[in-house]
Amino acid sequence: MKKLFTIIAMMFIAAFTIQAQDKPATPQDSIVFATTTHDYGTIVQSSDGSCIFAFTNKGKAPIVLNDVKASCGCTVPEWTRTPVAPGEKGSIKVTYNTNNVGAFTKSITVNSNAVNSPLVLIIKGTVTAKQ
């Protein structure tokens, strides 16, 4: 009787343990940027303040960029609006208003369906006055 009770108890514990385990993680999307920071260095006022952040879909399903937001109105992002297939590349173009003189550091938050979302991109530099 003691052995039967022990066996039933072991089966109950085993069943409970199996039930309590998380489901195995499914392969999910991953977005990988070539670089997450762009340093303009020193640029002249009213010059081109655009840069491009290129990324690759390293996942097994299409990546969709749901939203890309800049930390202020002086920075405008444009991004790939169509799904990016596995192994394919996409980009985010960021334009900073170089009419503002002085040092700057701005962030761009990228929200997508990737496991490593959200991601933050950084632009920085110094704008000097026109001569």
C-alpha atoms as a PDB file:
ATOM      1  CA  MET A   1       0.000   0.000   0.000  1.00  0.00           C
ATOM      2  CA  LYS A   2       2.866   2.346   0.846  1.00  0.00           C
ATOM      3  CA  LYS A   3       4.481   1.671  -2.572  1.00  0.00           C
ATOM      4  CA  LEU A   4       1.191   2.336  -4.362  1.00  0.00           C
ATOM      5  CA  PHE A   5       0.773   5.643  -2.524  1.00  0.00           C
ATOM      6  CA  THR A   6       4.367   6.613  -3.375  1.00  0.00           C
ATOM      7  CA  ILE A   7       3.867   5.756  -7.061  1.00  0.00           C
ATOM      8  CA  ILE A   8       0.634   7.776  -7.251  1.00  0.00           C
ATOM      9  CA  ALA A   9       2.285  10.700  -5.485  1.00  0.00           C
ATOM     10  CA  MET A  10       5.258  10.577  -7.903  1.00  0.00           C
ATOM     11  CA  MET A  11       2.909  10.479 -10.910  1.00  0.00           C
ATOM     12  CA  PHE A  12       0.969  13.458  -9.530  1.00  0.00           C
ATOM     13  CA  ILE A  13       4.189  15.441  -8.996  1.00  0.00           C
ATOM     14  CA  ALA A  14       5.464  14.541 -12.468  1.00  0.00           C
ATOM     15  CA  ALA A  15       2.175  15.536 -14.109  1.00  0.00           C
ATOM     16  CA  PHE A  16       2.090  18.808 -12.174  1.00  0.00           C
ATOM     17  CA  THR A  17       5.697  19.599 -13.106  1.00  0.00           C
ATOM     18  CA  ILE A  18       5.089  18.939 -16.796  1.00  0.00           C
ATOM     19  CA  GLN A  19       1.943  21.092 -16.739  1.00  0.00           C
ATOM     20  CA  ALA A  20       3.708  23.954 -14.929  1.00  0.00           C
ATOM     21  CA  GLN A  21       6.533  24.269 -17.452  1.00  0.00           C
ATOM     22  CA  ASP A  22       6.316  27.091 -19.938  1.00  0.00           C
ATOM     23  CA  LYS A  23       5.675  26.234 -23.525  1.00  0.00           C
ATOM     24  CA  PRO A  24       8.881  26.141 -25.533  1.00  0.00           C
ATOM     25  CA  ALA A  25       9.741  29.476 -27.072  1.00  0.00           C
ATOM     26  CA  THR A  26       8.783  29.728 -30.698  1.00  0.00           C
ATOM     27  CA  PRO A  27      11.263  31.178 -33.153  1.00  0.00           C
ATOM     28  CA  GLN A  28      10.568  34.889 -33.225  1.00  0.00           C
ATOM     29  CA  ASP A  29      11.605  37.810 -35.290  1.00  0.00           C
ATOM     30  CA  SER A  30      14.781  39.701 -34.626  1.00  0.00           C
ATOM     31  CA  ILE A  31      15.756  43.052 -36.097  1.00  0.00           C
ATOM     32  CA  VAL A  32      19.479  43.828 -36.305  1.00  0.00           C
ATOM     33  CA  PHE A  33      20.773  47.316 -37.106  1.00  0.00           C
ATOM     34  CA  ALA A  34      24.209  47.826 -38.679  1.00  0.00           C
ATOM     35  CA  THR A  35      24.653  50.640 -36.145  1.00  0.00           C
ATOM     36  CA  THR A  36      22.338  52.221 -33.588  1.00  0.00           C
ATOM     37  CA  THR A  37      24.186  55.541 -33.286  1.00  0.00           C
ATOM     38  CA  HIS A  38      24.997  58.135 -35.935  1.00  0.00           C
ATOM     39  CA  ASP A  39      27.484  60.861 -35.038  1.00  0.00           C
ATOM     40  CA  TYR A  40      27.287  63.810 -37.450  1.00  0.00           C
ATOM     41  CA  GLY A  41      30.383  65.313 -35.860  1.00  0.00           C
ATOM     42  CA  THR A  42      30.463  69.052 -36.516  1.00  0.00           C
ATOM     43  CA  ILE A  43      28.152  70.220 -39.286  1.00  0.00           C
ATOM     44  CA  VAL A  44      27.341  73.681 -40.611  1.00  0.00           C
ATOM     45  CA  GLN A  45      23.970  75.305 -39.977  1.00  0.00           C
ATOM     46  CA  SER A  46      21.342  74.562 -42.688  1.00  0.00           C
ATOM     47  CA  SER A  47      23.352  71.636 -44.111  1.00  0.00           C
ATOM     48  CA  ASP A  48      21.818  68.219 -44.828  1.00  0.00           C
ATOM     49  CA  GLY A  49      20.934  66.579 -41.518  1.00  0.00           C
ATOM     50  CA  SER A  50      19.881  63.213 -42.956  1.00  0.00           C
ATOM     51  CA  CYS A  51      21.250  59.790 -42.143  1.00  0.00           C
ATOM     52  CA  ILE A  52      20.077  56.241 -42.757  1.00  0.00           C
ATOM     53  CA  PHE A  53      19.913  53.402 -40.250  1.00  0.00           C
ATOM     54  CA  ALA A  54      19.939  50.099 -42.162  1.00  0.00           C
ATOM     55  CA  PHE A  55      18.612  46.903 -40.589  1.00  0.00           C
ATOM     56  CA  THR A  56      18.304  43.222 -41.441  1.00  0.00           C
ATOM     57  CA  ASN A  57      15.520  40.829 -40.516  1.00  0.00           C
ATOM     58  CA  LYS A  58      17.378  37.974 -38.799  1.00  0.00           C
ATOM     59  CA  GLY A  59      14.156  36.211 -37.806  1.00  0.00           C
ATOM     60  CA  LYS A  60      12.003  33.576 -39.454  1.00  0.00           C
ATOM     61  CA  ALA A  61       8.938  35.747 -40.076  1.00  0.00           C
ATOM     62  CA  PRO A  62       8.404  39.166 -41.672  1.00  0.00           C
ATOM     63  CA  ILE A  63       9.293  42.225 -39.584  1.00  0.00           C
ATOM     64  CA  VAL A  64       6.803  45.076 -39.471  1.00  0.00           C
ATOM     65  CA  LEU A  65       7.847  48.478 -38.126  1.00  0.00           C
ATOM     66  CA  ASN A  66       4.701  49.533 -36.266  1.00  0.00           C
ATOM     67  CA  ASP A  67       5.870  52.976 -35.223  1.00  0.00           C
ATOM     68  CA  VAL A  68       9.050  55.054 -35.276  1.00  0.00           C
ATOM     69  CA  LYS A  69       9.056  58.132 -33.036  1.00  0.00           C
ATOM     70  CA  ALA A  70      11.631  60.855 -32.560  1.00  0.00           C
ATOM     71  CA  SER A  71      12.249  62.426 -29.157  1.00  0.00           C
ATOM     72  CA  CYS A  72      11.391  65.901 -30.496  1.00  0.00           C
ATOM     73  CA  GLY A  73       9.901  67.716 -33.471  1.00  0.00           C
ATOM     74  CA  CYS A  74      13.324  68.734 -34.804  1.00  0.00           C
ATOM     75  CA  THR A  75      13.943  65.130 -35.889  1.00  0.00           C
ATOM     76  CA  VAL A  76      11.802  63.451 -38.536  1.00  0.00           C
ATOM     77  CA  PRO A  77      11.975  59.688 -39.208  1.00  0.00           C
ATOM     78  CA  GLU A  78      10.846  57.951 -42.410  1.00  0.00           C
ATOM     79  CA  TRP A  79      10.809  54.157 -42.490  1.00  0.00           C
ATOM     80  CA  THR A  80      10.076  51.051 -44.504  1.00  0.00           C
ATOM     81  CA  ARG A  81       6.273  50.655 -44.334  1.00  0.00           C
ATOM     82  CA  THR A  82       6.034  47.213 -45.944  1.00  0.00           C
ATOM     83  CA  PRO A  83       6.878  43.961 -44.111  1.00  0.00           C
ATOM     84  CA  VAL A  84      10.558  43.021 -44.363  1.00  0.00           C
ATOM     85  CA  ALA A  85      10.958  39.324 -45.192  1.00  0.00           C
ATOM     86  CA  PRO A  86      13.450  37.107 -43.335  1.00  0.00           C
ATOM     87  CA  GLY A  87      16.990  37.826 -44.497  1.00  0.00           C
ATOM     88  CA  GLU A  88      15.933  41.038 -46.238  1.00  0.00           C
ATOM     89  CA  LYS A  89      16.960  44.591 -45.393  1.00  0.00           C
ATOM     90  CA  GLY A  90      15.018  47.715 -44.520  1.00  0.00           C
ATOM     91  CA  SER A  91      15.914  51.233 -43.456  1.00  0.00           C
ATOM     92  CA  ILE A  92      14.952  54.213 -41.375  1.00  0.00           C
ATOM     93  CA  LYS A  93      15.904  57.644 -42.690  1.00  0.00           C
ATOM     94  CA  VAL A  94      16.282  60.280 -39.988  1.00  0.00           C
ATOM     95  CA  THR A  95      16.466  63.984 -40.755  1.00  0.00           C
ATOM     96  CA  TYR A  96      17.600  66.468 -38.110  1.00  0.00           C
ATOM     97  CA  ASN A  97      16.775  70.189 -38.472  1.00  0.00           C
ATOM     98  CA  THR A  98      20.240  71.721 -38.722  1.00  0.00           C
ATOM     99  CA  ASN A  99      18.920  75.287 -38.379  1.00  0.00           C
ATOM    100  CA  ASN A 100      19.326  74.910 -34.623  1.00  0.00           C
ATOM    101  CA  VAL A 101      22.908  75.854 -33.616  1.00  0.00           C
ATOM    102  CA  GLY A 102      24.614  73.908 -30.835  1.00  0.00           C
ATOM    103  CA  ALA A 103      25.253  70.380 -29.644  1.00  0.00           C
ATOM    104  CA  PHE A 104      22.455  67.838 -29.894  1.00  0.00           C
ATOM    105  CA  THR A 105      21.660  64.265 -28.952  1.00  0.00           C
ATOM    106  CA  LYS A 106      18.306  62.895 -30.055  1.00  0.00           C
ATOM    107  CA  SER A 107      16.706  59.477 -29.793  1.00  0.00           C
ATOM    108  CA  ILE A 108      14.429  57.620 -32.173  1.00  0.00           C
ATOM    109  CA  THR A 109      12.346  54.774 -30.729  1.00  0.00           C
ATOM    110  CA  VAL A 110      11.580  51.899 -33.104  1.00  0.00           C
ATOM    111  CA  ASN A 111       8.572  49.707 -32.284  1.00  0.00           C
ATOM    112  CA  SER A 112       8.097  46.518 -34.284  1.00  0.00           C
ATOM    113  CA  ASN A 113       6.917  42.931 -33.976  1.00  0.00           C
ATOM    114  CA  ALA A 114      10.497  41.795 -33.271  1.00  0.00           C
ATOM    115  CA  VAL A 115      11.448  40.182 -29.956  1.00  0.00           C
ATOM    116  CA  ASN A 116      14.039  42.886 -29.366  1.00  0.00           C
ATOM    117  CA  SER A 117      11.488  45.692 -29.715  1.00  0.00           C
ATOM    118  CA  PRO A 118      11.510  48.510 -28.842  1.00  0.00           C
ATOM    119  CA  LEU A 119      14.939  49.639 -29.988  1.00  0.00           C
ATOM    120  CA  VAL A 120      16.426  53.103 -29.556  1.00  0.00           C
ATOM    121  CA  LEU A 121      18.527  54.780 -32.230  1.00  0.00           C
ATOM    122  CA  ILE A 122      20.664  57.831 -31.392  1.00  0.00           C
ATOM    123  CA  ILE A 123      21.804  60.777 -33.491  1.00  0.00           C
ATOM    124  CA  LYS A 124      24.258  63.327 -32.142  1.00  0.00           C
ATOM    125  CA  GLY A 125      26.549  66.091 -33.264  1.00  0.00           C
ATOM    126  CA  THR A 126      27.193  69.803 -33.137  1.00  0.00           C
ATOM    127  CA  VAL A 127      25.765  72.408 -35.500  1.00  0.00           C
ATOM    128  CA  THR A 128      27.930  75.488 -36.014  1.00  0.00           C
ATOM    129  CA  ALA A 129      26.679  78.838 -37.308  1.00  0.00           C
ATOM    130  CA  LYS A 130      27.112  79.703 -40.994  1.00  0.00           C
ATOM    131  CA  GLN A 131      30.074  81.970 -41.701  1.00  0.00           C
END
